[in-house]
Amino acid sequence: MSGTKSKQPPPASPIPSSLLEDFYTQPALAGELGVNKRTLQRWEAKRLGPPHIQIGRMRLYNKASVRAWILANETKHLRRRAS
């Protein structure tokens, strides 16, 4: 061998990306909702935000659960009665 190093594969990710395709990260969800990451954190502290999964420091949101949370927060406009 003439002093060249063999290429080593990159270190394995802790969780395969295909496993996470049904989840948002906190920054990704904040971007989708058009809010700041801190807003998500405040909602979670008040138990108002979408359900999440905590794995170490990583917080994940199931896309189906986020959709259900959005639909559960839908409001209907009621007509005022004429007095």
C-alpha atoms as a PDB file:
ATOM      1  CA  MET A   1       0.000   0.000   0.000  1.00  0.00           C
ATOM      2  CA  SER A   2       1.378   3.373  -0.892  1.00  0.00           C
ATOM      3  CA  GLY A   3       0.383   5.576   2.047  1.00  0.00           C
ATOM      4  CA  THR A   4      -3.190   6.207   0.868  1.00  0.00           C
ATOM      5  CA  LYS A   5      -5.886   5.859   3.432  1.00  0.00           C
ATOM      6  CA  SER A   6      -8.903   3.769   2.626  1.00  0.00           C
ATOM      7  CA  LYS A   7     -12.169   5.641   2.718  1.00  0.00           C
ATOM      8  CA  GLN A   8     -14.190   4.978   5.810  1.00  0.00           C
ATOM      9  CA  PRO A   9     -17.956   5.241   5.710  1.00  0.00           C
ATOM     10  CA  PRO A  10     -19.438   8.196   7.604  1.00  0.00           C
ATOM     11  CA  PRO A  11     -20.458   7.454  11.188  1.00  0.00           C
ATOM     12  CA  ALA A  12     -23.865   5.874  11.428  1.00  0.00           C
ATOM     13  CA  SER A  13     -26.729   8.144  12.403  1.00  0.00           C
ATOM     14  CA  PRO A  14     -28.286   7.154  15.735  1.00  0.00           C
ATOM     15  CA  ILE A  15     -31.663   6.671  14.013  1.00  0.00           C
ATOM     16  CA  PRO A  16     -31.996   5.794  10.298  1.00  0.00           C
ATOM     17  CA  SER A  17     -33.573   8.652   8.339  1.00  0.00           C
ATOM     18  CA  SER A  18     -36.197   6.340   6.833  1.00  0.00           C
ATOM     19  CA  LEU A  19     -37.418   5.691  10.366  1.00  0.00           C
ATOM     20  CA  LEU A  20     -37.950   9.435  10.881  1.00  0.00           C
ATOM     21  CA  GLU A  21     -39.750  10.251   7.636  1.00  0.00           C
ATOM     22  CA  ASP A  22     -43.116  10.357   9.449  1.00  0.00           C
ATOM     23  CA  PHE A  23     -41.843  12.867  12.012  1.00  0.00           C
ATOM     24  CA  TYR A  24     -41.025  16.568  12.190  1.00  0.00           C
ATOM     25  CA  THR A  25     -38.120  17.912  14.195  1.00  0.00           C
ATOM     26  CA  GLN A  26     -38.884  20.943  16.334  1.00  0.00           C
ATOM     27  CA  PRO A  27     -37.290  23.425  13.874  1.00  0.00           C
ATOM     28  CA  ALA A  28     -39.060  21.759  10.925  1.00  0.00           C
ATOM     29  CA  LEU A  29     -42.458  21.905  12.640  1.00  0.00           C
ATOM     30  CA  ALA A  30     -41.929  25.514  13.651  1.00  0.00           C
ATOM     31  CA  GLY A  31     -41.212  26.302   9.995  1.00  0.00           C
ATOM     32  CA  GLU A  32     -44.291  24.408   8.799  1.00  0.00           C
ATOM     33  CA  LEU A  33     -46.533  26.254  11.261  1.00  0.00           C
ATOM     34  CA  GLY A  34     -44.876  29.621  10.661  1.00  0.00           C
ATOM     35  CA  VAL A  35     -43.990  30.092  14.324  1.00  0.00           C
ATOM     36  CA  ASN A  36     -40.746  30.405  16.240  1.00  0.00           C
ATOM     37  CA  LYS A  37     -39.219  27.333  17.884  1.00  0.00           C
ATOM     38  CA  ARG A  38     -39.642  29.145  21.209  1.00  0.00           C
ATOM     39  CA  THR A  39     -43.400  29.371  20.576  1.00  0.00           C
ATOM     40  CA  LEU A  40     -43.551  25.565  20.345  1.00  0.00           C
ATOM     41  CA  GLN A  41     -41.639  25.351  23.626  1.00  0.00           C
ATOM     42  CA  ARG A  42     -44.108  27.731  25.323  1.00  0.00           C
ATOM     43  CA  TRP A  43     -47.062  25.743  24.009  1.00  0.00           C
ATOM     44  CA  GLU A  44     -45.518  22.557  25.370  1.00  0.00           C
ATOM     45  CA  ALA A  45     -44.932  24.151  28.778  1.00  0.00           C
ATOM     46  CA  LYS A  46     -48.630  25.104  28.864  1.00  0.00           C
ATOM     47  CA  ARG A  47     -49.662  21.722  27.430  1.00  0.00           C
ATOM     48  CA  LEU A  48     -51.256  23.442  24.438  1.00  0.00           C
ATOM     49  CA  GLY A  49     -49.010  22.198  21.653  1.00  0.00           C
ATOM     50  CA  PRO A  50     -49.074  19.048  19.589  1.00  0.00           C
ATOM     51  CA  PRO A  51     -47.979  15.778  21.220  1.00  0.00           C
ATOM     52  CA  HIS A  52     -44.290  14.984  20.930  1.00  0.00           C
ATOM     53  CA  ILE A  53     -41.770  12.227  21.523  1.00  0.00           C
ATOM     54  CA  GLN A  54     -38.597  12.952  23.446  1.00  0.00           C
ATOM     55  CA  ILE A  55     -35.502  10.885  22.621  1.00  0.00           C
ATOM     56  CA  GLY A  56     -32.601  12.272  24.601  1.00  0.00           C
ATOM     57  CA  ARG A  57     -32.471  15.935  23.601  1.00  0.00           C
ATOM     58  CA  MET A  58     -34.246  15.303  20.327  1.00  0.00           C
ATOM     59  CA  ARG A  59     -37.938  16.203  20.216  1.00  0.00           C
ATOM     60  CA  LEU A  60     -40.018  14.677  17.427  1.00  0.00           C
ATOM     61  CA  TYR A  61     -43.590  15.262  16.314  1.00  0.00           C
ATOM     62  CA  ASN A  62     -45.542  12.567  14.505  1.00  0.00           C
ATOM     63  CA  LYS A  63     -46.966  14.139  11.334  1.00  0.00           C
ATOM     64  CA  ALA A  64     -50.325  12.370  11.758  1.00  0.00           C
ATOM     65  CA  SER A  65     -50.573  13.573  15.385  1.00  0.00           C
ATOM     66  CA  VAL A  66     -49.758  17.139  14.329  1.00  0.00           C
ATOM     67  CA  ARG A  67     -52.488  17.011  11.685  1.00  0.00           C
ATOM     68  CA  ALA A  68     -54.977  15.667  14.279  1.00  0.00           C
ATOM     69  CA  TRP A  69     -53.945  18.412  16.734  1.00  0.00           C
ATOM     70  CA  ILE A  70     -54.511  21.084  14.075  1.00  0.00           C
ATOM     71  CA  LEU A  71     -57.957  19.696  13.235  1.00  0.00           C
ATOM     72  CA  ALA A  72     -58.865  19.411  16.936  1.00  0.00           C
ATOM     73  CA  ASN A  73     -58.132  23.133  17.314  1.00  0.00           C
ATOM     74  CA  GLU A  74     -60.471  24.112  14.519  1.00  0.00           C
ATOM     75  CA  THR A  75     -63.129  26.591  15.612  1.00  0.00           C
ATOM     76  CA  LYS A  76     -66.534  27.132  14.123  1.00  0.00           C
ATOM     77  CA  HIS A  77     -67.867  30.623  13.729  1.00  0.00           C
ATOM     78  CA  LEU A  78     -71.303  30.920  15.215  1.00  0.00           C
ATOM     79  CA  ARG A  79     -73.812  33.381  13.867  1.00  0.00           C
ATOM     80  CA  ARG A  80     -75.039  35.997  16.248  1.00  0.00           C
ATOM     81  CA  ARG A  81     -78.702  35.942  16.982  1.00  0.00           C
ATOM     82  CA  ALA A  82     -80.636  39.051  16.170  1.00  0.00           C
ATOM     83  CA  SER A  83     -81.938  40.663  19.339  1.00  0.00           C
END
